[in-house]
Amino acid sequence: MLIPNIVPTQAYSFNAYYLGPGRETIKFQDEFSGSYVILDALATWCSACTLATYNLRDVHDYIKTNDSIRIISMSVDPAADNLVKLKNFMDTYGGDWDYGLDQWKNIRSRLNISNFPSMYLLDPQGVVIDHWRGVKQSEDILLKLDQHLGIGYQPNNTEASQRSNAGNYIKFLYSNPLFIISSVSVVIIGIAIVYRRVFG
C-alpha cells in the first residue's frame, strides 16, 4: 500500500550525515537497500520525540534479532539540530540503532514531513508502505510490523504492555523537567483564572 502525498520511489537515493563508525555520511541506497527500515523522523528539541524514542526502544528489543528490519532515527530539522545535539539525544534517550541528520532536507521534503515525531516503514526498495504520525505505543507499531512483515508478534499480555508504556511515560517526564514545569504553570494559571471569575 502506497501512502498518499508521499513520493513512493527513490527514497534511498538520499545522502545524510551519519552517527556511526567509520564515516561521516551515508547514502541510503548503500546502507539500507535490501532491508525493511523504520525511519524515525524527529527533532532533538521535540519533547514528544523523546517519548516516541522510549517506545521505539521496546520495538527494537523485539525485532533486534531480525536481520531484515533496520531502524534509523533521523533529525529532519537541520536548522535547529547538528551532529553534537543529535549525539547527545542518542546518548541520553536513544537505543542501539542508527542515527543521522537530514542536513540537506531531502528526506523531509520527499516525505512531506511536517509533524514530529513521524515514523515511516520502507520496503527493501525504499518505497513507503506505512507511516505513523505522533507518539504511538510500542504495541501499535509492532502490530503494524506484524501486519506487513509477519514478525509473529502476539499482544497477549495487555497488562505488561500497559506497564511498559506507563514506564516509558514516567521516564519521559523525569527526563523533561521543563515539560513538568510548563504543565504545572498552565494548571496554576487556569485555577487563577477560574478563581478570579468565580470570586471576582
C-alpha atoms as a PDB file:
ATOM      1  CA  MET A   1       0.000   0.000   0.000  1.00  0.00           C
ATOM      2  CA  LEU A   2       1.422   3.362  -1.045  1.00  0.00           C
ATOM      3  CA  ILE A   3       0.847   6.337   1.207  1.00  0.00           C
ATOM      4  CA  PRO A   4      -0.897   9.369  -0.387  1.00  0.00           C
ATOM      5  CA  ASN A   5       1.071  12.626  -0.647  1.00  0.00           C
ATOM      6  CA  ILE A   6       4.408  10.807  -0.405  1.00  0.00           C
ATOM      7  CA  VAL A   7       6.636  10.292  -3.434  1.00  0.00           C
ATOM      8  CA  PRO A   8       6.960   6.495  -3.401  1.00  0.00           C
ATOM      9  CA  THR A   9      10.214   5.925  -5.297  1.00  0.00           C
ATOM     10  CA  GLN A  10      13.921   6.687  -4.904  1.00  0.00           C
ATOM     11  CA  ALA A  11      13.677   7.108  -1.144  1.00  0.00           C
ATOM     12  CA  TYR A  12      17.111   5.509  -0.891  1.00  0.00           C
ATOM     13  CA  SER A  13      18.848   7.969  -3.212  1.00  0.00           C
ATOM     14  CA  PHE A  14      19.457  10.425  -0.362  1.00  0.00           C
ATOM     15  CA  ASN A  15      22.662  11.268   1.427  1.00  0.00           C
ATOM     16  CA  ALA A  16      22.648  12.159   5.122  1.00  0.00           C
ATOM     17  CA  TYR A  17      25.088  12.833   7.907  1.00  0.00           C
ATOM     18  CA  TYR A  18      25.557   9.677   9.933  1.00  0.00           C
ATOM     19  CA  LEU A  19      26.320   8.995  13.590  1.00  0.00           C
ATOM     20  CA  GLY A  20      28.093   5.727  13.093  1.00  0.00           C
ATOM     21  CA  PRO A  21      31.582   4.275  12.949  1.00  0.00           C
ATOM     22  CA  GLY A  22      33.930   4.861  10.075  1.00  0.00           C
ATOM     23  CA  ARG A  23      32.184   7.547   8.006  1.00  0.00           C
ATOM     24  CA  GLU A  24      30.500  10.914   8.249  1.00  0.00           C
ATOM     25  CA  THR A  25      27.835  10.487   5.583  1.00  0.00           C
ATOM     26  CA  ILE A  26      25.785   7.626   4.237  1.00  0.00           C
ATOM     27  CA  LYS A  27      23.826   7.013   1.094  1.00  0.00           C
ATOM     28  CA  PHE A  28      20.576   5.293   1.949  1.00  0.00           C
ATOM     29  CA  GLN A  29      20.763   3.036  -1.062  1.00  0.00           C
ATOM     30  CA  ASP A  30      24.149   1.668   0.000  1.00  0.00           C
ATOM     31  CA  GLU A  31      23.357   1.358   3.696  1.00  0.00           C
ATOM     32  CA  PHE A  32      19.763   0.118   3.792  1.00  0.00           C
ATOM     33  CA  SER A  33      18.895  -1.385   0.412  1.00  0.00           C
ATOM     34  CA  GLY A  34      17.565  -4.909   0.860  1.00  0.00           C
ATOM     35  CA  SER A  35      16.181  -4.265   4.344  1.00  0.00           C
ATOM     36  CA  TYR A  36      12.885  -3.066   5.681  1.00  0.00           C
ATOM     37  CA  VAL A  37      13.521   0.193   7.510  1.00  0.00           C
ATOM     38  CA  ILE A  38      11.690   2.049  10.249  1.00  0.00           C
ATOM     39  CA  LEU A  39      12.592   5.682   9.562  1.00  0.00           C
ATOM     40  CA  ASP A  40      12.008   7.691  12.730  1.00  0.00           C
ATOM     41  CA  ALA A  41      11.804  11.383  11.787  1.00  0.00           C
ATOM     42  CA  LEU A  42      12.460  13.609  14.776  1.00  0.00           C
ATOM     43  CA  ALA A  43      13.955  16.822  16.107  1.00  0.00           C
ATOM     44  CA  THR A  44      16.046  16.879  19.267  1.00  0.00           C
ATOM     45  CA  TRP A  45      14.069  19.817  20.707  1.00  0.00           C
ATOM     46  CA  CYS A  46      10.782  17.915  20.346  1.00  0.00           C
ATOM     47  CA  SER A  47       9.693  16.597  23.759  1.00  0.00           C
ATOM     48  CA  ALA A  48       7.182  14.202  22.188  1.00  0.00           C
ATOM     49  CA  CYS A  49      10.056  12.688  20.191  1.00  0.00           C
ATOM     50  CA  THR A  50      11.656  11.697  23.480  1.00  0.00           C
ATOM     51  CA  LEU A  51       8.617   9.656  24.484  1.00  0.00           C
ATOM     52  CA  ALA A  52       8.430   8.163  20.986  1.00  0.00           C
ATOM     53  CA  THR A  53      12.066   7.106  21.305  1.00  0.00           C
ATOM     54  CA  TYR A  54      11.383   5.289  24.568  1.00  0.00           C
ATOM     55  CA  ASN A  55       8.564   3.395  22.851  1.00  0.00           C
ATOM     56  CA  LEU A  56      10.815   2.648  19.888  1.00  0.00           C
ATOM     57  CA  ARG A  57      13.302   1.044  22.259  1.00  0.00           C
ATOM     58  CA  ASP A  58      10.663  -1.551  23.125  1.00  0.00           C
ATOM     59  CA  VAL A  59      10.120  -2.159  19.411  1.00  0.00           C
ATOM     60  CA  HIS A  60      13.865  -2.539  18.873  1.00  0.00           C
ATOM     61  CA  ASP A  61      14.109  -5.037  21.738  1.00  0.00           C
ATOM     62  CA  TYR A  62      11.535  -7.197  19.958  1.00  0.00           C
ATOM     63  CA  ILE A  63      12.973  -7.038  16.423  1.00  0.00           C
ATOM     64  CA  LYS A  64      16.720  -6.770  17.126  1.00  0.00           C
ATOM     65  CA  THR A  65      17.343 -10.399  16.179  1.00  0.00           C
ATOM     66  CA  ASN A  66      15.500  -9.911  12.863  1.00  0.00           C
ATOM     67  CA  ASP A  67      18.218  -9.027  10.347  1.00  0.00           C
ATOM     68  CA  SER A  68      15.687  -7.971   7.716  1.00  0.00           C
ATOM     69  CA  ILE A  69      14.479  -4.924   9.711  1.00  0.00           C
ATOM     70  CA  ARG A  70      16.577  -1.839  10.474  1.00  0.00           C
ATOM     71  CA  ILE A  71      15.815   1.328  12.418  1.00  0.00           C
ATOM     72  CA  ILE A  72      17.249   4.769  11.776  1.00  0.00           C
ATOM     73  CA  SER A  73      16.300   7.877  13.739  1.00  0.00           C
ATOM     74  CA  MET A  74      16.811  10.896  11.528  1.00  0.00           C
ATOM     75  CA  SER A  75      16.724  14.511  12.639  1.00  0.00           C
ATOM     76  CA  VAL A  76      14.927  16.337   9.851  1.00  0.00           C
ATOM     77  CA  ASP A  77      15.402  19.830  11.300  1.00  0.00           C
ATOM     78  CA  PRO A  78      18.990  20.795  10.397  1.00  0.00           C
ATOM     79  CA  ALA A  79      18.225  24.475  11.082  1.00  0.00           C
ATOM     80  CA  ALA A  80      17.930  23.670  14.794  1.00  0.00           C
ATOM     81  CA  ASP A  81      19.953  20.452  15.054  1.00  0.00           C
ATOM     82  CA  ASN A  82      23.530  19.400  14.444  1.00  0.00           C
ATOM     83  CA  LEU A  83      25.504  16.211  14.994  1.00  0.00           C
ATOM     84  CA  VAL A  84      26.541  17.238  18.515  1.00  0.00           C
ATOM     85  CA  LYS A  85      22.922  17.746  19.599  1.00  0.00           C
ATOM     86  CA  LEU A  86      21.886  14.550  17.880  1.00  0.00           C
ATOM     87  CA  LYS A  87      24.610  12.515  19.562  1.00  0.00           C
ATOM     88  CA  ASN A  88      23.615  13.933  22.937  1.00  0.00           C
ATOM     89  CA  PHE A  89      19.995  12.960  22.229  1.00  0.00           C
ATOM     90  CA  MET A  90      21.105   9.471  21.196  1.00  0.00           C
ATOM     91  CA  ASP A  91      23.270   9.009  24.292  1.00  0.00           C
ATOM     92  CA  THR A  92      20.548  10.292  26.613  1.00  0.00           C
ATOM     93  CA  TYR A  93      17.366   8.768  25.216  1.00  0.00           C
ATOM     94  CA  GLY A  94      18.144   6.557  22.247  1.00  0.00           C
ATOM     95  CA  GLY A  95      18.651   2.895  21.695  1.00  0.00           C
ATOM     96  CA  ASP A  96      21.151   0.747  19.853  1.00  0.00           C
ATOM     97  CA  TRP A  97      20.267   1.630  16.268  1.00  0.00           C
ATOM     98  CA  ASP A  98      21.358   4.061  13.547  1.00  0.00           C
ATOM     99  CA  TYR A  99      21.105   7.858  13.808  1.00  0.00           C
ATOM    100  CA  GLY A 100      21.516  10.523  11.149  1.00  0.00           C
ATOM    101  CA  LEU A 101      20.921  14.167  10.246  1.00  0.00           C
ATOM    102  CA  ASP A 102      18.977  15.172   7.133  1.00  0.00           C
ATOM    103  CA  GLN A 103      21.333  18.076   6.508  1.00  0.00           C
ATOM    104  CA  TRP A 104      20.058  18.823   3.010  1.00  0.00           C
ATOM    105  CA  LYS A 105      16.348  18.369   3.867  1.00  0.00           C
ATOM    106  CA  ASN A 106      15.982  15.773   1.107  1.00  0.00           C
ATOM    107  CA  ILE A 107      14.113  13.284   3.255  1.00  0.00           C
ATOM    108  CA  ARG A 108      11.881  15.887   4.863  1.00  0.00           C
ATOM    109  CA  SER A 109      10.793  17.341   1.531  1.00  0.00           C
ATOM    110  CA  ARG A 110      10.395  13.972  -0.213  1.00  0.00           C
ATOM    111  CA  LEU A 111       8.247  12.517   2.562  1.00  0.00           C
ATOM    112  CA  ASN A 112       6.339  15.763   3.225  1.00  0.00           C
ATOM    113  CA  ILE A 113       7.262  15.656   6.910  1.00  0.00           C
ATOM    114  CA  SER A 114       5.510  18.409   8.849  1.00  0.00           C
ATOM    115  CA  ASN A 115       4.842  16.774  12.226  1.00  0.00           C
ATOM    116  CA  PHE A 116       7.244  15.474  14.854  1.00  0.00           C
ATOM    117  CA  PRO A 117       7.584  12.667  15.572  1.00  0.00           C
ATOM    118  CA  SER A 118       6.721  10.750  12.407  1.00  0.00           C
ATOM    119  CA  MET A 119       7.702   7.186  11.545  1.00  0.00           C
ATOM    120  CA  TYR A 120       7.791   5.542   8.131  1.00  0.00           C
ATOM    121  CA  LEU A 121       8.112   1.907   7.155  1.00  0.00           C
ATOM    122  CA  LEU A 122      10.132   1.491   3.964  1.00  0.00           C
ATOM    123  CA  ASP A 123      10.372  -1.686   1.948  1.00  0.00           C
ATOM    124  CA  PRO A 124      13.735  -3.018   0.630  1.00  0.00           C
ATOM    125  CA  GLN A 125      13.412  -0.791  -2.467  1.00  0.00           C
ATOM    126  CA  GLY A 126      12.814   2.341  -0.384  1.00  0.00           C
ATOM    127  CA  VAL A 127       9.072   2.570  -1.006  1.00  0.00           C
ATOM    128  CA  VAL A 128       6.982   3.864   1.909  1.00  0.00           C
ATOM    129  CA  ILE A 129       4.438   1.185   2.758  1.00  0.00           C
ATOM    130  CA  ASP A 130       3.111   2.640   6.009  1.00  0.00           C
ATOM    131  CA  HIS A 131       3.615   5.554   8.365  1.00  0.00           C
ATOM    132  CA  TRP A 132       2.686   6.799  11.821  1.00  0.00           C
ATOM    133  CA  ARG A 133       2.411  10.415  12.954  1.00  0.00           C
ATOM    134  CA  GLY A 134       2.594  11.465  16.576  1.00  0.00           C
ATOM    135  CA  VAL A 135       3.535   9.311  19.546  1.00  0.00           C
ATOM    136  CA  LYS A 136       2.472   5.694  19.076  1.00  0.00           C
ATOM    137  CA  GLN A 137       2.626   2.959  21.669  1.00  0.00           C
ATOM    138  CA  SER A 138       5.170   0.236  21.013  1.00  0.00           C
ATOM    139  CA  GLU A 139       2.382  -2.340  20.755  1.00  0.00           C
ATOM    140  CA  ASP A 140       0.695  -0.355  17.966  1.00  0.00           C
ATOM    141  CA  ILE A 141       3.948  -0.212  15.998  1.00  0.00           C
ATOM    142  CA  LEU A 142       4.625  -3.917  16.474  1.00  0.00           C
ATOM    143  CA  LEU A 143       1.102  -4.764  15.322  1.00  0.00           C
ATOM    144  CA  LYS A 144       1.695  -2.727  12.158  1.00  0.00           C
ATOM    145  CA  LEU A 145       5.003  -4.515  11.564  1.00  0.00           C
ATOM    146  CA  ASP A 146       3.310  -7.858  12.028  1.00  0.00           C
ATOM    147  CA  GLN A 147       0.578  -6.820   9.591  1.00  0.00           C
ATOM    148  CA  HIS A 148       3.121  -6.012   6.879  1.00  0.00           C
ATOM    149  CA  LEU A 149       6.027  -8.334   7.640  1.00  0.00           C
ATOM    150  CA  GLY A 150       4.604 -11.198   9.688  1.00  0.00           C
ATOM    151  CA  ILE A 151       7.056 -10.840  12.568  1.00  0.00           C
ATOM    152  CA  GLY A 152       4.975 -13.139  14.778  1.00  0.00           C
ATOM    153  CA  TYR A 153       4.026 -10.527  17.339  1.00  0.00           C
ATOM    154  CA  GLN A 154       1.280 -11.667  19.699  1.00  0.00           C
ATOM    155  CA  PRO A 155      -0.100  -8.934  22.003  1.00  0.00           C
ATOM    156  CA  ASN A 156      -1.294 -11.461  24.558  1.00  0.00           C
ATOM    157  CA  ASN A 157      -0.189  -9.588  27.655  1.00  0.00           C
ATOM    158  CA  THR A 158      -2.011  -6.275  27.629  1.00  0.00           C
ATOM    159  CA  GLU A 159      -1.238  -5.587  31.278  1.00  0.00           C
ATOM    160  CA  ALA A 160       2.511  -5.940  30.703  1.00  0.00           C
ATOM    161  CA  SER A 161       2.284  -3.702  27.640  1.00  0.00           C
ATOM    162  CA  GLN A 162       0.414  -1.054  29.616  1.00  0.00           C
ATOM    163  CA  ARG A 163       3.049  -1.176  32.359  1.00  0.00           C
ATOM    164  CA  SER A 164       5.783  -0.744  29.769  1.00  0.00           C
ATOM    165  CA  ASN A 165       4.062   2.231  28.147  1.00  0.00           C
ATOM    166  CA  ALA A 166       3.370   3.812  31.536  1.00  0.00           C
ATOM    167  CA  GLY A 167       7.011   3.298  32.478  1.00  0.00           C
ATOM    168  CA  ASN A 168       8.114   4.982  29.276  1.00  0.00           C
ATOM    169  CA  TYR A 169       5.875   7.951  30.038  1.00  0.00           C
ATOM    170  CA  ILE A 170       7.352   8.263  33.544  1.00  0.00           C
ATOM    171  CA  LYS A 171      10.867   8.187  32.060  1.00  0.00           C
ATOM    172  CA  PHE A 172       9.788  10.889  29.649  1.00  0.00           C
ATOM    173  CA  LEU A 173       8.504  13.110  32.463  1.00  0.00           C
ATOM    174  CA  TYR A 174      11.633  12.674  34.577  1.00  0.00           C
ATOM    175  CA  SER A 175      13.862  13.477  31.612  1.00  0.00           C
ATOM    176  CA  ASN A 176      11.871  16.609  30.710  1.00  0.00           C
ATOM    177  CA  PRO A 177      11.593  18.851  33.797  1.00  0.00           C
ATOM    178  CA  LEU A 178      10.657  21.843  31.637  1.00  0.00           C
ATOM    179  CA  PHE A 179       7.624  19.899  30.439  1.00  0.00           C
ATOM    180  CA  ILE A 180       6.569  19.337  34.054  1.00  0.00           C
ATOM    181  CA  ILE A 181       7.137  22.982  34.974  1.00  0.00           C
ATOM    182  CA  SER A 182       5.199  24.260  31.970  1.00  0.00           C
ATOM    183  CA  SER A 183       2.324  21.835  32.634  1.00  0.00           C
ATOM    184  CA  VAL A 184       2.102  22.871  36.301  1.00  0.00           C
ATOM    185  CA  SER A 185       2.227  26.519  35.269  1.00  0.00           C
ATOM    186  CA  VAL A 186      -0.690  26.032  32.879  1.00  0.00           C
ATOM    187  CA  VAL A 187      -2.718  24.366  35.648  1.00  0.00           C
ATOM    188  CA  ILE A 188      -1.939  27.169  38.118  1.00  0.00           C
ATOM    189  CA  ILE A 189      -2.862  29.839  35.587  1.00  0.00           C
ATOM    190  CA  GLY A 190      -6.104  28.010  34.809  1.00  0.00           C
ATOM    191  CA  ILE A 191      -7.006  27.812  38.512  1.00  0.00           C
ATOM    192  CA  ALA A 192      -6.221  31.504  38.941  1.00  0.00           C
ATOM    193  CA  ILE A 193      -8.474  32.432  36.014  1.00  0.00           C
ATOM    194  CA  VAL A 194     -11.354  30.333  37.361  1.00  0.00           C
ATOM    195  CA  TYR A 195     -10.889  31.739  40.873  1.00  0.00           C
ATOM    196  CA  ARG A 196     -10.982  35.326  39.586  1.00  0.00           C
ATOM    197  CA  ARG A 197     -14.118  34.692  37.550  1.00  0.00           C
ATOM    198  CA  VAL A 198     -15.909  32.997  40.440  1.00  0.00           C
ATOM    199  CA  PHE A 199     -14.827  35.231  43.313  1.00  0.00           C
ATOM    200  CA  GLY A 200     -14.131  38.442  41.416  1.00  0.00           C
END
